[in-house]
Amino acid sequence: MVVQQDAVKVVMDSQRAPLLVGTEVDDVDHTQGSGVVMKNPTAKTTCGRGSFFSA
């Protein structure tokens, strides 16, 4: 399954797509590095800052 908004394209397994409903994806750049943060409102647990993928 492919979801695209503007220049951002996300490719995911169609079976897991329902788990990502409502997830916000943000490109961040700060003193500790840059990358992508994913905030999933349906997640039962979190590490405190969402998922971070370093770029």
PDB file of N, CA and C in Angstrom:
ATOM      1  N   MET A   1       0.848  -1.164   0.000  1.00  0.00           N
ATOM      2  CA  MET A   1       0.000   0.000   0.000  1.00  0.00           C
ATOM      3  C   MET A   1       0.902   1.238   0.000  1.00  0.00           C
ATOM      4  N   VAL A   2       0.573   2.212  -0.822  1.00  0.00           N
ATOM      5  CA  VAL A   2       1.354   3.447  -0.905  1.00  0.00           C
ATOM      6  C   VAL A   2       0.445   4.625  -0.576  1.00  0.00           C
ATOM      7  N   VAL A   3       0.891   5.468   0.358  1.00  0.00           N
ATOM      8  CA  VAL A   3       0.174   6.689   0.718  1.00  0.00           C
ATOM      9  C   VAL A   3       1.107   7.848   0.414  1.00  0.00           C
ATOM     10  N   GLN A   4       0.598   8.855  -0.306  1.00  0.00           N
ATOM     11  CA  GLN A   4       1.455   9.990  -0.652  1.00  0.00           C
ATOM     12  C   GLN A   4       0.732  11.296  -0.378  1.00  0.00           C
ATOM     13  N   GLN A   5       1.474  12.242   0.222  1.00  0.00           N
ATOM     14  CA  GLN A   5       0.980  13.596   0.421  1.00  0.00           C
ATOM     15  C   GLN A   5       2.120  14.528   0.073  1.00  0.00           C
ATOM     16  N   ASP A   6       1.888  15.376  -0.905  1.00  0.00           N
ATOM     17  CA  ASP A   6       2.917  16.268  -1.439  1.00  0.00           C
ATOM     18  C   ASP A   6       4.107  15.416  -1.891  1.00  0.00           C
ATOM     19  N   ALA A   7       5.305  15.725  -1.411  1.00  0.00           N
ATOM     20  CA  ALA A   7       6.495  14.995  -1.852  1.00  0.00           C
ATOM     21  C   ALA A   7       6.819  13.786  -0.983  1.00  0.00           C
ATOM     22  N   VAL A   8       5.986  13.524   0.033  1.00  0.00           N
ATOM     23  CA  VAL A   8       6.242  12.426   0.968  1.00  0.00           C
ATOM     24  C   VAL A   8       5.440  11.193   0.551  1.00  0.00           C
ATOM     25  N   LYS A   9       6.144  10.070   0.403  1.00  0.00           N
ATOM     26  CA  LYS A   9       5.512   8.813   0.040  1.00  0.00           C
ATOM     27  C   LYS A   9       5.844   7.775   1.112  1.00  0.00           C
ATOM     28  N   VAL A  10       4.811   7.100   1.616  1.00  0.00           N
ATOM     29  CA  VAL A  10       4.988   6.057   2.624  1.00  0.00           C
ATOM     30  C   VAL A  10       4.499   4.746   2.027  1.00  0.00           C
ATOM     31  N   VAL A  11       5.345   3.717   2.105  1.00  0.00           N
ATOM     32  CA  VAL A  11       5.010   2.389   1.600  1.00  0.00           C
ATOM     33  C   VAL A  11       4.865   1.477   2.805  1.00  0.00           C
ATOM     34  N   MET A  12       3.717   0.764   2.878  1.00  0.00           N
ATOM     35  CA  MET A  12       3.485  -0.103   4.028  1.00  0.00           C
ATOM     36  C   MET A  12       2.748  -1.367   3.615  1.00  0.00           C
ATOM     37  N   ASP A  13       2.854  -2.348   4.453  1.00  0.00           N
ATOM     38  CA  ASP A  13       2.139  -3.611   4.296  1.00  0.00           C
ATOM     39  C   ASP A  13       0.654  -3.346   4.518  1.00  0.00           C
ATOM     40  N   SER A  14      -0.205  -3.788   3.613  1.00  0.00           N
ATOM     41  CA  SER A  14      -1.640  -3.503   3.723  1.00  0.00           C
ATOM     42  C   SER A  14      -2.274  -4.127   4.969  1.00  0.00           C
ATOM     43  N   GLN A  15      -1.693  -5.183   5.507  1.00  0.00           N
ATOM     44  CA  GLN A  15      -2.225  -5.791   6.730  1.00  0.00           C
ATOM     45  C   GLN A  15      -1.960  -4.928   7.954  1.00  0.00           C
ATOM     46  N   ARG A  16      -0.880  -4.165   7.918  1.00  0.00           N
ATOM     47  CA  ARG A  16      -0.512  -3.333   9.066  1.00  0.00           C
ATOM     48  C   ARG A  16      -1.004  -1.898   8.927  1.00  0.00           C
ATOM     49  N   ALA A  17      -1.505  -1.526   7.779  1.00  0.00           N
ATOM     50  CA  ALA A  17      -1.978  -0.165   7.543  1.00  0.00           C
ATOM     51  C   ALA A  17      -2.990   0.305   8.590  1.00  0.00           C
ATOM     52  N   PRO A  18      -3.949  -0.524   9.022  1.00  0.00           N
ATOM     53  CA  PRO A  18      -4.898  -0.056  10.043  1.00  0.00           C
ATOM     54  C   PRO A  18      -4.227   0.358  11.352  1.00  0.00           C
ATOM     55  N   LEU A  19      -3.065  -0.185  11.654  1.00  0.00           N
ATOM     56  CA  LEU A  19      -2.350   0.170  12.881  1.00  0.00           C
ATOM     57  C   LEU A  19      -1.783   1.582  12.818  1.00  0.00           C
ATOM     58  N   LEU A  20      -1.663   2.126  11.605  1.00  0.00           N
ATOM     59  CA  LEU A  20      -1.059   3.440  11.427  1.00  0.00           C
ATOM     60  C   LEU A  20      -2.078   4.554  11.199  1.00  0.00           C
ATOM     61  N   VAL A  21      -3.369   4.235  11.271  1.00  0.00           N
ATOM     62  CA  VAL A  21      -4.398   5.248  11.078  1.00  0.00           C
ATOM     63  C   VAL A  21      -4.223   6.360  12.108  1.00  0.00           C
ATOM     64  N   GLY A  22      -4.180   7.596  11.653  1.00  0.00           N
ATOM     65  CA  GLY A  22      -4.023   8.748  12.537  1.00  0.00           C
ATOM     66  C   GLY A  22      -2.584   9.100  12.862  1.00  0.00           C
ATOM     67  N   THR A  23      -1.631   8.332  12.371  1.00  0.00           N
ATOM     68  CA  THR A  23      -0.223   8.593  12.657  1.00  0.00           C
ATOM     69  C   THR A  23       0.238   9.862  11.955  1.00  0.00           C
ATOM     70  N   GLU A  24       0.965  10.706  12.683  1.00  0.00           N
ATOM     71  CA  GLU A  24       1.536  11.927  12.128  1.00  0.00           C
ATOM     72  C   GLU A  24       3.025  11.697  11.881  1.00  0.00           C
ATOM     73  N   VAL A  25       3.495  12.115  10.713  1.00  0.00           N
ATOM     74  CA  VAL A  25       4.905  11.992  10.356  1.00  0.00           C
ATOM     75  C   VAL A  25       5.467  13.392  10.217  1.00  0.00           C
ATOM     76  N   ASP A  26       6.599  13.662  10.883  1.00  0.00           N
ATOM     77  CA  ASP A  26       7.189  14.995  10.865  1.00  0.00           C
ATOM     78  C   ASP A  26       8.690  14.899  10.626  1.00  0.00           C
ATOM     79  N   ASP A  27       9.200  15.759   9.784  1.00  0.00           N
ATOM     80  CA  ASP A  27      10.630  15.879   9.515  1.00  0.00           C
ATOM     81  C   ASP A  27      11.207  16.849  10.539  1.00  0.00           C
ATOM     82  N   VAL A  28      12.194  16.407  11.313  1.00  0.00           N
ATOM     83  CA  VAL A  28      12.762  17.256  12.364  1.00  0.00           C
ATOM     84  C   VAL A  28      14.254  17.493  12.126  1.00  0.00           C
ATOM     85  N   ASP A  29      14.709  18.644  12.590  1.00  0.00           N
ATOM     86  CA  ASP A  29      16.120  19.009  12.482  1.00  0.00           C
ATOM     87  C   ASP A  29      16.465  19.807  13.736  1.00  0.00           C
ATOM     88  N   HIS A  30      17.315  19.229  14.603  1.00  0.00           N
ATOM     89  CA  HIS A  30      17.694  19.914  15.833  1.00  0.00           C
ATOM     90  C   HIS A  30      19.140  19.590  16.165  1.00  0.00           C
ATOM     91  N   THR A  31      19.625  20.068  17.289  1.00  0.00           N
ATOM     92  CA  THR A  31      21.034  19.916  17.644  1.00  0.00           C
ATOM     93  C   THR A  31      21.467  18.465  17.819  1.00  0.00           C
ATOM     94  N   GLN A  32      20.534  17.571  18.126  1.00  0.00           N
ATOM     95  CA  GLN A  32      20.864  16.161  18.317  1.00  0.00           C
ATOM     96  C   GLN A  32      20.823  15.378  17.005  1.00  0.00           C
ATOM     97  N   GLY A  33      20.457  16.026  15.908  1.00  0.00           N
ATOM     98  CA  GLY A  33      20.402  15.351  14.617  1.00  0.00           C
ATOM     99  C   GLY A  33      19.109  15.653  13.889  1.00  0.00           C
ATOM    100  N   SER A  34      18.959  15.040  12.743  1.00  0.00           N
ATOM    101  CA  SER A  34      17.743  15.229  11.966  1.00  0.00           C
ATOM    102  C   SER A  34      17.165  13.872  11.606  1.00  0.00           C
ATOM    103  N   GLY A  35      15.900  13.866  11.248  1.00  0.00           N
ATOM    104  CA  GLY A  35      15.267  12.614  10.878  1.00  0.00           C
ATOM    105  C   GLY A  35      13.772  12.749  10.810  1.00  0.00           C
ATOM    106  N   VAL A  36      13.081  11.642  10.952  1.00  0.00           N
ATOM    107  CA  VAL A  36      11.629  11.601  10.858  1.00  0.00           C
ATOM    108  C   VAL A  36      11.061  11.080  12.169  1.00  0.00           C
ATOM    109  N   VAL A  37      10.071  11.781  12.698  1.00  0.00           N
ATOM    110  CA  VAL A  37       9.394  11.374  13.923  1.00  0.00           C
ATOM    111  C   VAL A  37       7.980  10.953  13.560  1.00  0.00           C
ATOM    112  N   MET A  38       7.558   9.803  14.064  1.00  0.00           N
ATOM    113  CA  MET A  38       6.197   9.318  13.828  1.00  0.00           C
ATOM    114  C   MET A  38       5.453   9.300  15.153  1.00  0.00           C
ATOM    115  N   LYS A  39       4.299   9.970  15.205  1.00  0.00           N
ATOM    116  CA  LYS A  39       3.471  10.015  16.419  1.00  0.00           C
ATOM    117  C   LYS A  39       2.180   9.271  16.128  1.00  0.00           C
ATOM    118  N   ASN A  40       1.993   8.140  16.813  1.00  0.00           N
ATOM    119  CA  ASN A  40       0.822   7.300  16.602  1.00  0.00           C
ATOM    120  C   ASN A  40      -0.101   7.411  17.811  1.00  0.00           C
ATOM    121  N   PRO A  41      -1.278   8.035  17.633  1.00  0.00           N
ATOM    122  CA  PRO A  41      -2.185   8.215  18.771  1.00  0.00           C
ATOM    123  C   PRO A  41      -2.791   6.910  19.287  1.00  0.00           C
ATOM    124  N   THR A  42      -2.710   5.831  18.540  1.00  0.00           N
ATOM    125  CA  THR A  42      -3.269   4.563  18.993  1.00  0.00           C
ATOM    126  C   THR A  42      -2.235   3.659  19.646  1.00  0.00           C
ATOM    127  N   ALA A  43      -0.976   4.103  19.700  1.00  0.00           N
ATOM    128  CA  ALA A  43       0.083   3.295  20.312  1.00  0.00           C
ATOM    129  C   ALA A  43      -0.185   3.139  21.802  1.00  0.00           C
ATOM    130  N   LYS A  44      -0.042   1.927  22.311  1.00  0.00           N
ATOM    131  CA  LYS A  44      -0.294   1.663  23.731  1.00  0.00           C
ATOM    132  C   LYS A  44       0.905   2.042  24.590  1.00  0.00           C
ATOM    133  N   THR A  45       2.105   1.955  24.041  1.00  0.00           N
ATOM    134  CA  THR A  45       3.313   2.371  24.749  1.00  0.00           C
ATOM    135  C   THR A  45       4.176   3.180  23.791  1.00  0.00           C
ATOM    136  N   THR A  46       5.069   3.963  24.365  1.00  0.00           N
ATOM    137  CA  THR A  46       5.961   4.799  23.555  1.00  0.00           C
ATOM    138  C   THR A  46       7.260   5.022  24.311  1.00  0.00           C
ATOM    139  N   CYS A  47       8.289   5.404  23.587  1.00  0.00           N
ATOM    140  CA  CYS A  47       9.571   5.687  24.227  1.00  0.00           C
ATOM    141  C   CYS A  47       9.620   7.138  24.702  1.00  0.00           C
ATOM    142  N   GLY A  48       8.536   7.885  24.499  1.00  0.00           N
ATOM    143  CA  GLY A  48       8.472   9.250  24.998  1.00  0.00           C
ATOM    144  C   GLY A  48       8.609  10.309  23.929  1.00  0.00           C
ATOM    145  N   ARG A  49       9.134   9.976  22.765  1.00  0.00           N
ATOM    146  CA  ARG A  49       9.261  10.982  21.716  1.00  0.00           C
ATOM    147  C   ARG A  49       8.823  10.460  20.354  1.00  0.00           C
ATOM    148  N   GLY A  50       8.158   9.345  20.317  1.00  0.00           N
ATOM    149  CA  GLY A  50       7.733   8.779  19.031  1.00  0.00           C
ATOM    150  C   GLY A  50       8.869   8.000  18.410  1.00  0.00           C
ATOM    151  N   SER A  51       8.689   7.545  17.213  1.00  0.00           N
ATOM    152  CA  SER A  51       9.742   6.814  16.507  1.00  0.00           C
ATOM    153  C   SER A  51      10.628   7.815  15.777  1.00  0.00           C
ATOM    154  N   PHE A  52      11.919   7.632  15.866  1.00  0.00           N
ATOM    155  CA  PHE A  52      12.857   8.552  15.244  1.00  0.00           C
ATOM    156  C   PHE A  52      13.782   7.789  14.316  1.00  0.00           C
ATOM    157  N   PHE A  53      13.788   8.174  13.072  1.00  0.00           N
ATOM    158  CA  PHE A  53      14.656   7.550  12.074  1.00  0.00           C
ATOM    159  C   PHE A  53      15.673   8.575  11.644  1.00  0.00           C
ATOM    160  N   SER A  54      16.926   8.386  11.997  1.00  0.00           N
ATOM    161  CA  SER A  54      17.967   9.347  11.678  1.00  0.00           C
ATOM    162  C   SER A  54      18.250   9.399  10.188  1.00  0.00           C
ATOM    163  N   ALA A  55      18.462  10.593   9.700  1.00  0.00           N
ATOM    164  CA  ALA A  55      18.755  10.808   8.273  1.00  0.00           C
ATOM    165  C   ALA A  55      20.202  11.141   8.075  1.00  0.00           C
TER     166      ALA A  55
END
